[in-house]
């Protein structure tokens, strides 16, 4: 059935129109009502009433046990899968657009942006909104904190137990047990397992 819809342009347009208005790309009200059935959330998890959860049926959305999406945050799986791991929290006003995989007990401060896509722009004769998206998944490891107003660029992997400073722009992978700050973000400390302390790099 899904393959038939994808192969028939008219049927595909009709199906998309039934799911989301063309001028306002978010799920229609009836699809939002079905979200708990299509993507059941883990025990103790919560999407606050003023959060915007644009959750579509064609990609996975996983909100694990005790995870929370705070008010005025935006979470969107329209372009790719989104997983928010156990005990993780998406802070006030933050934006998560898939494909994104957030590990366990990750904290996103206020107004953090994590997006696994780039809007197409190569064809200068065409509206960028009509060009294909470039998908580059983002992965955030367990027990990592992303500071207020930080931006995680598409395609970046951040290891476990990292600290990303407030206002940082992360353009490259950050290894586990690293403190990174700045624009572009650079490592300033790493955990030394022999000394059992954080050391400057």
N, C-alpha and C. Protein backbone atom coordinates (compact mmCIF):
# COMPACT_ATOMS: atom_id res chain seq x y z
N UNK A 1 0.82 -1.20 0.00
CA UNK A 1 0.00 0.00 0.00
C UNK A 1 0.86 1.26 0.00
N UNK A 2 1.86 1.30 0.91
CA UNK A 2 2.73 2.48 1.00
C UNK A 2 3.50 2.67 -0.30
N UNK A 3 3.98 1.57 -0.89
CA UNK A 3 4.72 1.67 -2.15
C UNK A 3 3.83 2.19 -3.28
N UNK A 4 2.55 1.77 -3.29
CA UNK A 4 1.61 2.26 -4.30
C UNK A 4 1.44 3.77 -4.18
N UNK A 5 1.31 4.25 -2.95
CA UNK A 5 1.14 5.69 -2.71
C UNK A 5 2.38 6.45 -3.18
N UNK A 6 3.57 5.93 -2.86
CA UNK A 6 4.82 6.60 -3.24
C UNK A 6 4.98 6.67 -4.76
N UNK A 7 4.50 5.65 -5.46
CA UNK A 7 4.71 5.58 -6.91
C UNK A 7 3.68 6.38 -7.71
N UNK A 8 2.57 6.73 -7.08
CA UNK A 8 1.52 7.47 -7.76
C UNK A 8 1.53 8.93 -7.28
N UNK A 9 1.99 9.88 -8.12
CA UNK A 9 2.11 11.28 -7.68
C UNK A 9 0.80 11.89 -7.16
N UNK A 10 -0.33 11.59 -7.83
CA UNK A 10 -1.62 12.16 -7.39
C UNK A 10 -2.03 11.59 -6.04
N UNK A 11 -1.86 10.29 -5.88
CA UNK A 11 -2.20 9.63 -4.62
C UNK A 11 -1.29 10.12 -3.49
N UNK A 12 -0.03 10.32 -3.83
CA UNK A 12 0.94 10.82 -2.84
C UNK A 12 0.54 12.22 -2.36
N UNK A 13 0.19 13.12 -3.32
CA UNK A 13 -0.23 14.48 -2.96
C UNK A 13 -1.48 14.46 -2.09
N UNK A 14 -2.44 13.61 -2.45
CA UNK A 14 -3.68 13.51 -1.69
C UNK A 14 -3.39 13.02 -0.26
N UNK A 15 -2.56 12.01 -0.15
CA UNK A 15 -2.22 11.46 1.16
C UNK A 15 -1.54 12.50 2.03
N UNK A 16 -0.58 13.23 1.45
CA UNK A 16 0.11 14.29 2.20
C UNK A 16 -0.87 15.37 2.63
N UNK A 17 -1.81 15.74 1.73
CA UNK A 17 -2.81 16.76 2.07
C UNK A 17 -3.68 16.30 3.23
N UNK A 18 -4.03 15.01 3.26
CA UNK A 18 -4.83 14.47 4.36
C UNK A 18 -4.08 14.52 5.69
N UNK A 19 -2.75 14.40 5.64
CA UNK A 19 -1.95 14.35 6.85
C UNK A 19 -1.50 15.73 7.33
N UNK A 20 -1.22 16.64 6.38
CA UNK A 20 -0.68 17.95 6.77
C UNK A 20 -1.05 19.02 5.75
N UNK A 21 -1.46 20.21 6.17
CA UNK A 21 -1.75 21.29 5.22
C UNK A 21 -0.48 21.70 4.47
N UNK A 22 -0.60 22.00 3.19
CA UNK A 22 0.59 22.32 2.38
C UNK A 22 1.26 23.62 2.80
N UNK A 23 0.48 24.59 3.27
CA UNK A 23 1.06 25.89 3.65
C UNK A 23 1.46 25.95 5.12
N UNK A 24 1.14 24.89 5.86
CA UNK A 24 1.43 24.88 7.30
C UNK A 24 1.90 23.47 7.66
N UNK A 25 3.19 23.20 7.47
CA UNK A 25 3.66 21.81 7.58
C UNK A 25 3.72 21.28 9.01
N UNK A 26 2.56 20.93 9.52
CA UNK A 26 2.47 20.26 10.82
C UNK A 26 1.31 19.28 10.75
N UNK A 27 1.28 18.26 11.60
CA UNK A 27 0.21 17.26 11.51
C UNK A 27 -1.17 17.89 11.72
N UNK A 28 -2.15 17.38 10.98
CA UNK A 28 -3.53 17.83 11.18
C UNK A 28 -4.00 17.38 12.57
N UNK A 29 -5.06 18.02 13.06
CA UNK A 29 -5.54 17.78 14.42
C UNK A 29 -5.84 16.32 14.69
N UNK A 30 -6.42 15.62 13.71
CA UNK A 30 -6.80 14.22 13.93
C UNK A 30 -5.56 13.33 14.05
N UNK A 31 -4.49 13.71 13.35
CA UNK A 31 -3.25 12.95 13.44
C UNK A 31 -2.58 13.18 14.79
N UNK A 32 -2.71 14.40 15.31
CA UNK A 32 -2.16 14.69 16.64
C UNK A 32 -2.89 13.88 17.72
N UNK A 33 -4.20 13.68 17.54
CA UNK A 33 -4.96 12.87 18.49
C UNK A 33 -4.52 11.41 18.48
N UNK A 34 -4.08 10.94 17.31
CA UNK A 34 -3.65 9.54 17.18
C UNK A 34 -2.21 9.29 17.63
N UNK A 35 -1.45 10.37 17.90
CA UNK A 35 -0.03 10.20 18.23
C UNK A 35 0.22 9.18 19.34
N UNK A 36 -0.53 9.20 20.45
CA UNK A 36 -0.25 8.22 21.50
C UNK A 36 -0.41 6.77 21.05
N UNK A 37 -1.28 6.53 20.05
CA UNK A 37 -1.45 5.18 19.52
C UNK A 37 -0.35 4.81 18.53
N UNK A 38 0.03 5.78 17.69
CA UNK A 38 1.05 5.52 16.67
C UNK A 38 2.46 5.47 17.25
N UNK A 39 2.70 6.30 18.27
CA UNK A 39 4.03 6.39 18.89
C UNK A 39 3.87 6.42 20.41
N UNK A 40 3.58 5.30 21.04
CA UNK A 40 3.37 5.31 22.49
C UNK A 40 4.63 5.72 23.24
N UNK A 41 4.45 6.54 24.26
CA UNK A 41 5.57 7.06 25.04
C UNK A 41 5.87 6.14 26.21
N UNK A 42 7.13 6.21 26.70
CA UNK A 42 7.54 5.39 27.83
C UNK A 42 6.89 5.85 29.13
N UNK A 43 6.86 4.95 30.09
CA UNK A 43 6.25 5.23 31.39
C UNK A 43 6.94 6.43 32.05
N UNK A 44 6.14 7.35 32.57
CA UNK A 44 6.68 8.51 33.27
C UNK A 44 7.17 9.62 32.36
N UNK A 45 7.11 9.43 31.04
CA UNK A 45 7.55 10.48 30.12
C UNK A 45 6.45 11.53 29.97
N UNK A 46 6.84 12.71 29.46
CA UNK A 46 5.85 13.80 29.39
C UNK A 46 6.19 14.75 28.26
N UNK A 47 5.15 15.12 27.51
CA UNK A 47 5.24 16.22 26.56
C UNK A 47 4.37 17.32 27.14
N UNK A 48 4.98 18.43 27.56
CA UNK A 48 4.23 19.50 28.22
C UNK A 48 3.20 20.10 27.27
N UNK A 49 2.15 20.68 27.84
CA UNK A 49 0.99 21.11 27.05
C UNK A 49 1.32 22.21 26.05
N UNK A 50 2.35 23.01 26.31
CA UNK A 50 2.69 24.10 25.39
C UNK A 50 3.87 23.75 24.49
N UNK A 51 4.27 22.48 24.47
CA UNK A 51 5.30 22.04 23.52
C UNK A 51 4.64 21.78 22.17
N UNK A 52 5.42 21.90 21.10
CA UNK A 52 4.90 21.60 19.76
C UNK A 52 5.54 20.29 19.31
N UNK A 53 4.73 19.24 19.30
CA UNK A 53 5.21 17.92 18.88
C UNK A 53 4.65 17.62 17.49
N UNK A 54 5.43 17.92 16.47
CA UNK A 54 5.04 17.64 15.09
C UNK A 54 5.50 16.22 14.76
N UNK A 55 4.66 15.26 15.10
CA UNK A 55 5.01 13.85 14.99
C UNK A 55 4.18 13.23 13.86
N UNK A 56 4.88 12.73 12.85
CA UNK A 56 4.24 12.14 11.68
C UNK A 56 4.37 10.62 11.72
N UNK A 57 3.47 9.89 11.02
CA UNK A 57 3.50 8.44 11.08
C UNK A 57 4.58 7.78 10.24
N UNK A 58 5.20 8.51 9.31
CA UNK A 58 6.12 7.84 8.38
C UNK A 58 7.55 7.71 8.90
N UNK A 59 7.86 8.29 10.05
CA UNK A 59 9.17 8.09 10.70
C UNK A 59 8.94 7.74 12.17
N UNK A 60 9.95 7.11 12.77
CA UNK A 60 9.84 6.72 14.17
C UNK A 60 9.94 7.93 15.08
N UNK A 61 9.19 7.88 16.17
CA UNK A 61 9.34 8.84 17.27
C UNK A 61 9.32 8.03 18.55
N UNK A 62 10.42 8.09 19.29
CA UNK A 62 10.53 7.31 20.52
C UNK A 62 10.82 8.27 21.67
N UNK A 63 9.92 8.29 22.64
CA UNK A 63 10.10 9.06 23.88
C UNK A 63 10.18 8.02 24.99
N UNK A 64 11.39 7.77 25.47
CA UNK A 64 11.59 6.67 26.41
C UNK A 64 11.17 7.06 27.83
N UNK A 65 11.23 6.09 28.69
CA UNK A 65 10.80 6.21 30.08
C UNK A 65 11.38 7.47 30.76
N UNK A 66 10.53 8.24 31.42
CA UNK A 66 10.90 9.42 32.22
C UNK A 66 11.53 10.56 31.40
N UNK A 67 11.43 10.50 30.08
CA UNK A 67 11.92 11.62 29.26
C UNK A 67 10.88 12.73 29.26
N UNK A 68 11.34 13.97 29.00
CA UNK A 68 10.42 15.11 29.06
C UNK A 68 10.74 16.11 27.97
N UNK A 69 9.67 16.63 27.35
CA UNK A 69 9.78 17.74 26.40
C UNK A 69 9.07 18.92 27.03
N UNK A 70 9.83 19.97 27.36
CA UNK A 70 9.28 21.08 28.12
C UNK A 70 8.50 22.05 27.24
N UNK A 71 7.79 22.97 27.89
CA UNK A 71 6.96 23.95 27.19
C UNK A 71 7.76 24.74 26.17
N UNK A 72 7.09 25.04 25.05
CA UNK A 72 7.61 25.87 23.96
C UNK A 72 8.77 25.22 23.20
N UNK A 73 9.07 23.96 23.51
CA UNK A 73 10.03 23.21 22.70
C UNK A 73 9.31 22.71 21.45
N UNK A 74 10.10 22.43 20.41
CA UNK A 74 9.56 21.89 19.16
C UNK A 74 10.31 20.60 18.86
N UNK A 75 9.56 19.52 18.61
CA UNK A 75 10.14 18.25 18.21
C UNK A 75 9.45 17.81 16.93
N UNK A 76 10.24 17.46 15.90
CA UNK A 76 9.67 17.17 14.59
C UNK A 76 10.38 15.96 13.99
N UNK A 77 9.60 14.93 13.61
CA UNK A 77 10.17 13.75 12.97
C UNK A 77 9.77 13.66 11.50
N UNK A 78 9.36 14.78 10.92
CA UNK A 78 8.90 14.78 9.53
C UNK A 78 9.96 14.36 8.53
N UNK A 79 11.23 14.69 8.79
CA UNK A 79 12.31 14.36 7.86
C UNK A 79 13.07 13.11 8.26
N UNK A 80 13.01 12.72 9.54
CA UNK A 80 13.76 11.55 9.98
C UNK A 80 13.39 11.15 11.39
N UNK A 81 13.82 9.94 11.77
CA UNK A 81 13.50 9.40 13.10
C UNK A 81 14.02 10.29 14.22
N UNK A 82 13.27 10.31 15.31
CA UNK A 82 13.70 11.01 16.54
C UNK A 82 13.58 10.05 17.70
N UNK A 83 14.67 9.91 18.45
CA UNK A 83 14.62 9.15 19.70
C UNK A 83 15.13 10.03 20.82
N UNK A 84 14.37 10.12 21.90
CA UNK A 84 14.78 10.84 23.10
C UNK A 84 14.86 9.81 24.21
N UNK A 85 16.07 9.57 24.68
CA UNK A 85 16.34 8.46 25.57
C UNK A 85 15.80 8.62 26.97
N UNK A 86 15.88 7.53 27.71
CA UNK A 86 15.37 7.47 29.08
C UNK A 86 15.92 8.60 29.94
N UNK A 87 15.01 9.29 30.63
CA UNK A 87 15.39 10.33 31.58
C UNK A 87 15.93 11.61 30.96
N UNK A 88 15.91 11.73 29.64
CA UNK A 88 16.44 12.93 28.98
C UNK A 88 15.40 14.04 28.99
N UNK A 89 15.89 15.28 28.85
CA UNK A 89 14.98 16.43 28.90
C UNK A 89 15.32 17.42 27.80
N UNK A 90 14.29 17.81 27.04
CA UNK A 90 14.41 18.84 26.01
C UNK A 90 13.92 20.13 26.64
N UNK A 91 14.82 21.09 26.84
CA UNK A 91 14.51 22.29 27.61
C UNK A 91 13.57 23.26 26.92
N UNK A 92 13.13 24.24 27.68
CA UNK A 92 12.19 25.26 27.22
C UNK A 92 12.70 25.92 25.94
N UNK A 93 11.86 25.96 24.91
CA UNK A 93 12.20 26.66 23.67
C UNK A 93 13.22 25.96 22.79
N UNK A 94 13.60 24.73 23.12
CA UNK A 94 14.58 24.02 22.30
C UNK A 94 13.91 23.40 21.07
N UNK A 95 14.73 23.09 20.06
CA UNK A 95 14.23 22.54 18.80
C UNK A 95 14.99 21.27 18.48
N UNK A 96 14.26 20.18 18.23
CA UNK A 96 14.86 18.91 17.82
C UNK A 96 14.15 18.46 16.55
N UNK A 97 14.89 18.41 15.44
CA UNK A 97 14.34 18.01 14.15
C UNK A 97 15.14 16.83 13.63
N UNK A 98 14.46 15.70 13.39
CA UNK A 98 15.13 14.47 12.99
C UNK A 98 15.73 14.53 11.60
N UNK A 99 16.66 13.60 11.33
CA UNK A 99 17.01 12.45 12.15
C UNK A 99 17.96 12.81 13.30
N UNK A 100 17.50 12.50 14.52
CA UNK A 100 18.27 12.80 15.74
C UNK A 100 18.10 11.63 16.72
N UNK A 101 19.22 11.22 17.31
CA UNK A 101 19.20 10.18 18.34
C UNK A 101 19.83 10.75 19.61
N UNK A 102 19.00 10.96 20.63
CA UNK A 102 19.46 11.52 21.90
C UNK A 102 19.49 10.39 22.93
N UNK A 103 20.64 10.20 23.55
CA UNK A 103 20.83 9.10 24.47
C UNK A 103 20.10 9.26 25.79
N UNK A 104 20.53 8.48 26.78
CA UNK A 104 19.90 8.46 28.10
C UNK A 104 20.43 9.58 28.98
N UNK A 105 19.54 10.20 29.76
CA UNK A 105 19.89 11.23 30.74
C UNK A 105 20.70 12.38 30.12
N UNK A 106 20.26 12.77 28.94
CA UNK A 106 20.83 13.94 28.25
C UNK A 106 19.99 15.15 28.63
N UNK A 107 20.63 16.27 28.86
CA UNK A 107 19.91 17.50 29.21
C UNK A 107 20.17 18.55 28.14
N UNK A 108 19.11 19.02 27.50
CA UNK A 108 19.20 20.16 26.59
C UNK A 108 18.73 21.38 27.36
N UNK A 109 19.60 22.37 27.51
CA UNK A 109 19.21 23.61 28.18
C UNK A 109 18.16 24.35 27.37
N UNK A 110 17.92 25.60 27.72
CA UNK A 110 16.91 26.40 27.03
C UNK A 110 17.42 26.82 25.65
N UNK A 111 16.52 26.80 24.68
CA UNK A 111 16.78 27.32 23.32
C UNK A 111 17.97 26.64 22.64
N UNK A 112 18.07 25.34 22.80
CA UNK A 112 19.10 24.55 22.12
C UNK A 112 18.52 24.07 20.79
N UNK A 113 19.34 24.07 19.74
CA UNK A 113 18.90 23.60 18.42
C UNK A 113 19.70 22.36 18.03
N UNK A 114 18.98 21.26 17.75
CA UNK A 114 19.60 20.01 17.30
C UNK A 114 18.82 19.56 16.07
N UNK A 115 19.44 19.68 14.89
CA UNK A 115 18.72 19.37 13.66
C UNK A 115 19.58 18.50 12.75
N UNK A 116 18.98 17.39 12.30
CA UNK A 116 19.71 16.44 11.46
C UNK A 116 19.48 16.64 9.98
N UNK A 117 19.25 17.87 9.57
CA UNK A 117 19.02 18.13 8.14
C UNK A 117 19.54 19.50 7.75
N UNK A 118 19.75 19.64 6.45
CA UNK A 118 20.11 20.92 5.86
C UNK A 118 19.16 21.14 4.69
N UNK A 119 18.61 22.33 4.58
CA UNK A 119 17.73 22.61 3.44
C UNK A 119 18.55 22.72 2.17
N UNK A 120 18.04 22.12 1.10
CA UNK A 120 18.73 22.17 -0.19
C UNK A 120 18.81 23.59 -0.73
N UNK A 121 19.91 23.91 -1.38
CA UNK A 121 20.10 25.26 -1.93
C UNK A 121 20.91 25.26 -3.22
N UNK A 122 21.33 24.08 -3.69
CA UNK A 122 22.26 24.00 -4.82
C UNK A 122 21.71 24.63 -6.10
N UNK A 123 20.42 24.42 -6.38
CA UNK A 123 19.81 24.93 -7.61
C UNK A 123 19.33 26.36 -7.37
N UNK A 124 20.08 27.32 -7.89
CA UNK A 124 19.75 28.74 -7.63
C UNK A 124 18.55 29.22 -8.44
N UNK A 125 18.04 28.38 -9.34
CA UNK A 125 16.86 28.76 -10.13
C UNK A 125 15.57 28.29 -9.45
N UNK A 126 15.70 27.59 -8.33
CA UNK A 126 14.51 27.01 -7.68
C UNK A 126 14.41 27.49 -6.25
N UNK A 127 13.17 27.64 -5.79
CA UNK A 127 12.90 28.01 -4.40
C UNK A 127 13.54 26.98 -3.48
N UNK A 128 14.37 27.41 -2.50
CA UNK A 128 15.00 26.45 -1.59
C UNK A 128 14.00 25.56 -0.86
N UNK A 129 12.78 26.07 -0.61
CA UNK A 129 11.77 25.26 0.07
C UNK A 129 11.32 24.06 -0.77
N UNK A 130 11.55 24.11 -2.08
CA UNK A 130 11.13 23.02 -2.97
C UNK A 130 12.26 22.04 -3.26
N UNK A 131 13.46 22.35 -2.80
CA UNK A 131 14.60 21.48 -3.08
C UNK A 131 14.70 20.37 -2.03
N UNK A 132 15.28 19.23 -2.42
CA UNK A 132 15.36 18.11 -1.48
C UNK A 132 16.20 18.45 -0.24
N UNK A 133 15.77 17.89 0.90
CA UNK A 133 16.54 18.06 2.13
C UNK A 133 17.77 17.17 2.08
N UNK A 134 18.85 17.64 2.69
CA UNK A 134 20.05 16.82 2.86
C UNK A 134 20.03 16.31 4.29
N UNK A 135 19.84 15.01 4.46
CA UNK A 135 19.74 14.42 5.79
C UNK A 135 21.10 13.99 6.30
N UNK A 136 21.45 14.47 7.50
CA UNK A 136 22.70 14.09 8.15
C UNK A 136 22.40 13.86 9.62
N UNK A 137 22.23 12.59 10.03
CA UNK A 137 21.79 12.30 11.40
C UNK A 137 22.72 12.87 12.47
N UNK A 138 22.12 13.28 13.57
CA UNK A 138 22.84 13.76 14.75
C UNK A 138 22.68 12.72 15.85
N UNK A 139 23.77 12.47 16.57
CA UNK A 139 23.72 11.53 17.70
C UNK A 139 24.34 12.21 18.92
N UNK A 140 23.62 12.14 20.05
CA UNK A 140 24.10 12.71 21.31
C UNK A 140 24.19 11.57 22.32
N UNK A 141 25.39 11.36 22.88
CA UNK A 141 25.62 10.25 23.79
C UNK A 141 25.02 10.44 25.16
N UNK A 142 24.96 9.35 25.93
CA UNK A 142 24.36 9.34 27.26
C UNK A 142 25.04 10.34 28.20
N UNK A 143 24.26 10.90 29.11
CA UNK A 143 24.74 11.77 30.20
C UNK A 143 25.45 13.03 29.70
N UNK A 144 25.09 13.49 28.53
CA UNK A 144 25.69 14.70 27.97
C UNK A 144 24.78 15.89 28.24
N UNK A 145 25.37 17.05 28.49
CA UNK A 145 24.62 18.29 28.69
C UNK A 145 24.92 19.26 27.55
N UNK A 146 23.87 19.80 26.96
CA UNK A 146 24.01 20.81 25.91
C UNK A 146 23.56 22.14 26.49
N UNK A 147 24.47 23.08 26.59
CA UNK A 147 24.20 24.34 27.27
C UNK A 147 23.21 25.23 26.54
N UNK A 148 22.63 26.16 27.28
CA UNK A 148 21.64 27.11 26.75
C UNK A 148 22.14 27.78 25.48
N UNK A 149 21.25 27.90 24.50
CA UNK A 149 21.52 28.57 23.22
C UNK A 149 22.60 27.90 22.38
N UNK A 150 22.94 26.65 22.67
CA UNK A 150 23.91 25.96 21.82
C UNK A 150 23.22 25.41 20.58
N UNK A 151 24.01 25.23 19.51
CA UNK A 151 23.50 24.72 18.24
C UNK A 151 24.33 23.52 17.84
N UNK A 152 23.66 22.40 17.55
CA UNK A 152 24.35 21.20 17.11
C UNK A 152 24.03 21.03 15.63
N UNK A 153 25.05 21.14 14.79
CA UNK A 153 24.85 21.11 13.34
C UNK A 153 24.58 19.69 12.85
N UNK A 154 23.95 19.60 11.68
CA UNK A 154 23.62 18.31 11.07
C UNK A 154 24.88 17.48 10.87
N UNK A 155 24.76 16.17 11.13
CA UNK A 155 25.85 15.23 10.90
C UNK A 155 26.82 15.06 12.05
N UNK A 156 26.62 15.78 13.14
CA UNK A 156 27.55 15.75 14.27
C UNK A 156 27.21 14.60 15.23
N UNK A 157 28.26 13.97 15.76
CA UNK A 157 28.11 12.99 16.84
C UNK A 157 28.82 13.53 18.07
N UNK A 158 28.10 13.57 19.20
CA UNK A 158 28.67 14.00 20.47
C UNK A 158 28.71 12.77 21.37
N UNK A 159 29.87 12.49 21.93
CA UNK A 159 30.04 11.30 22.75
C UNK A 159 29.36 11.40 24.09
N UNK A 160 29.47 10.33 24.87
CA UNK A 160 28.83 10.29 26.19
C UNK A 160 29.57 11.18 27.18
N UNK A 161 28.83 11.66 28.18
CA UNK A 161 29.35 12.47 29.29
C UNK A 161 30.14 13.69 28.82
N UNK A 162 29.62 14.35 27.79
CA UNK A 162 30.22 15.61 27.32
C UNK A 162 29.47 16.79 27.92
N UNK A 163 30.17 17.91 27.99
CA UNK A 163 29.57 19.18 28.40
C UNK A 163 29.80 20.17 27.27
N UNK A 164 28.70 20.68 26.70
CA UNK A 164 28.79 21.67 25.62
C UNK A 164 28.39 23.01 26.20
N UNK A 165 29.30 23.97 26.13
CA UNK A 165 29.09 25.27 26.76
C UNK A 165 27.95 26.06 26.14
N UNK A 166 27.37 26.94 26.95
CA UNK A 166 26.27 27.80 26.50
C UNK A 166 26.70 28.61 25.28
N UNK A 167 25.84 28.70 24.29
CA UNK A 167 26.11 29.50 23.10
C UNK A 167 27.06 28.87 22.11
N UNK A 168 27.48 27.65 22.34
CA UNK A 168 28.43 27.00 21.43
C UNK A 168 27.75 26.56 20.14
N UNK A 169 28.53 26.51 19.06
CA UNK A 169 28.06 25.99 17.79
C UNK A 169 28.94 24.79 17.45
N UNK A 170 28.36 23.60 17.52
CA UNK A 170 29.13 22.37 17.34
C UNK A 170 29.05 21.97 15.87
N UNK A 171 30.18 22.07 15.17
CA UNK A 171 30.23 21.77 13.74
C UNK A 171 30.94 20.46 13.43
N UNK A 172 31.66 19.90 14.43
CA UNK A 172 32.40 18.65 14.23
C UNK A 172 32.14 17.72 15.40
N UNK A 173 32.44 16.44 15.20
CA UNK A 173 32.23 15.44 16.24
C UNK A 173 33.02 15.80 17.50
N UNK A 174 32.42 15.50 18.65
CA UNK A 174 33.06 15.71 19.95
C UNK A 174 33.24 14.35 20.60
N UNK A 175 34.48 13.98 20.95
CA UNK A 175 34.69 12.66 21.56
C UNK A 175 34.11 12.58 22.96
N UNK A 176 33.88 11.36 23.46
CA UNK A 176 33.32 11.20 24.81
C UNK A 176 34.19 11.87 25.88
N UNK A 177 33.56 12.23 27.01
CA UNK A 177 34.25 12.79 28.18
C UNK A 177 35.03 14.05 27.81
N UNK A 178 34.35 14.97 27.11
CA UNK A 178 34.98 16.20 26.65
C UNK A 178 34.12 17.40 27.03
N UNK A 179 34.79 18.50 27.40
CA UNK A 179 34.12 19.79 27.56
C UNK A 179 34.48 20.61 26.33
N UNK A 180 33.48 21.11 25.60
CA UNK A 180 33.72 21.89 24.39
C UNK A 180 32.93 23.18 24.46
N UNK A 181 33.56 24.28 24.02
CA UNK A 181 32.91 25.60 24.06
C UNK A 181 33.30 26.39 22.82
N UNK A 182 32.50 27.40 22.51
CA UNK A 182 32.86 28.37 21.48
C UNK A 182 32.14 28.17 20.16
N UNK A 183 32.49 29.04 19.20
CA UNK A 183 31.92 29.02 17.86
C UNK A 183 33.05 29.20 16.84
N UNK A 184 33.48 28.10 16.20
CA UNK A 184 32.99 26.73 16.36
C UNK A 184 33.50 26.12 17.68
N UNK A 185 32.74 25.17 18.21
CA UNK A 185 33.09 24.57 19.50
C UNK A 185 34.41 23.80 19.40
N UNK A 186 35.25 24.00 20.44
CA UNK A 186 36.52 23.28 20.52
C UNK A 186 36.69 22.69 21.91
N UNK A 187 37.38 21.57 21.96
CA UNK A 187 37.61 20.89 23.24
C UNK A 187 38.50 21.76 24.12
N UNK A 188 38.11 21.96 25.37
CA UNK A 188 38.96 22.70 26.32
C UNK A 188 39.37 21.81 27.50
N UNK A 189 38.61 20.73 27.73
CA UNK A 189 38.95 19.78 28.80
C UNK A 189 38.58 18.37 28.38
N UNK A 190 39.33 17.41 28.90
CA UNK A 190 38.97 15.99 28.73
C UNK A 190 39.17 15.30 30.06
N UNK A 191 38.39 14.26 30.28
CA UNK A 191 38.54 13.52 31.53
C UNK A 191 39.70 12.55 31.41
N UNK A 192 40.64 12.63 32.37
CA UNK A 192 41.81 11.75 32.41
C UNK A 192 41.51 10.62 33.39
N UNK A 193 41.38 9.40 32.87
CA UNK A 193 41.00 8.27 33.71
C UNK A 193 42.13 7.83 34.64
N UNK A 194 43.38 8.12 34.27
CA UNK A 194 44.49 7.78 35.16
C UNK A 194 44.54 8.74 36.34
N UNK A 195 44.41 10.04 36.05
CA UNK A 195 44.43 11.05 37.12
C UNK A 195 43.08 11.16 37.83
N UNK A 196 42.03 10.63 37.18
CA UNK A 196 40.68 10.72 37.70
C UNK A 196 40.23 12.16 37.92
N UNK A 197 40.53 12.99 36.90
CA UNK A 197 40.10 14.39 36.95
C UNK A 197 40.02 14.95 35.54
N UNK A 198 39.34 16.09 35.43
CA UNK A 198 39.27 16.80 34.13
C UNK A 198 40.54 17.60 33.94
N UNK A 199 41.15 17.48 32.75
CA UNK A 199 42.40 18.21 32.49
C UNK A 199 42.23 19.06 31.24
N UNK A 200 42.94 20.19 31.26
CA UNK A 200 42.88 21.09 30.09
C UNK A 200 43.62 20.49 28.90
N UNK A 201 43.13 20.79 27.70
CA UNK A 201 43.78 20.29 26.48
C UNK A 201 44.23 21.46 25.63
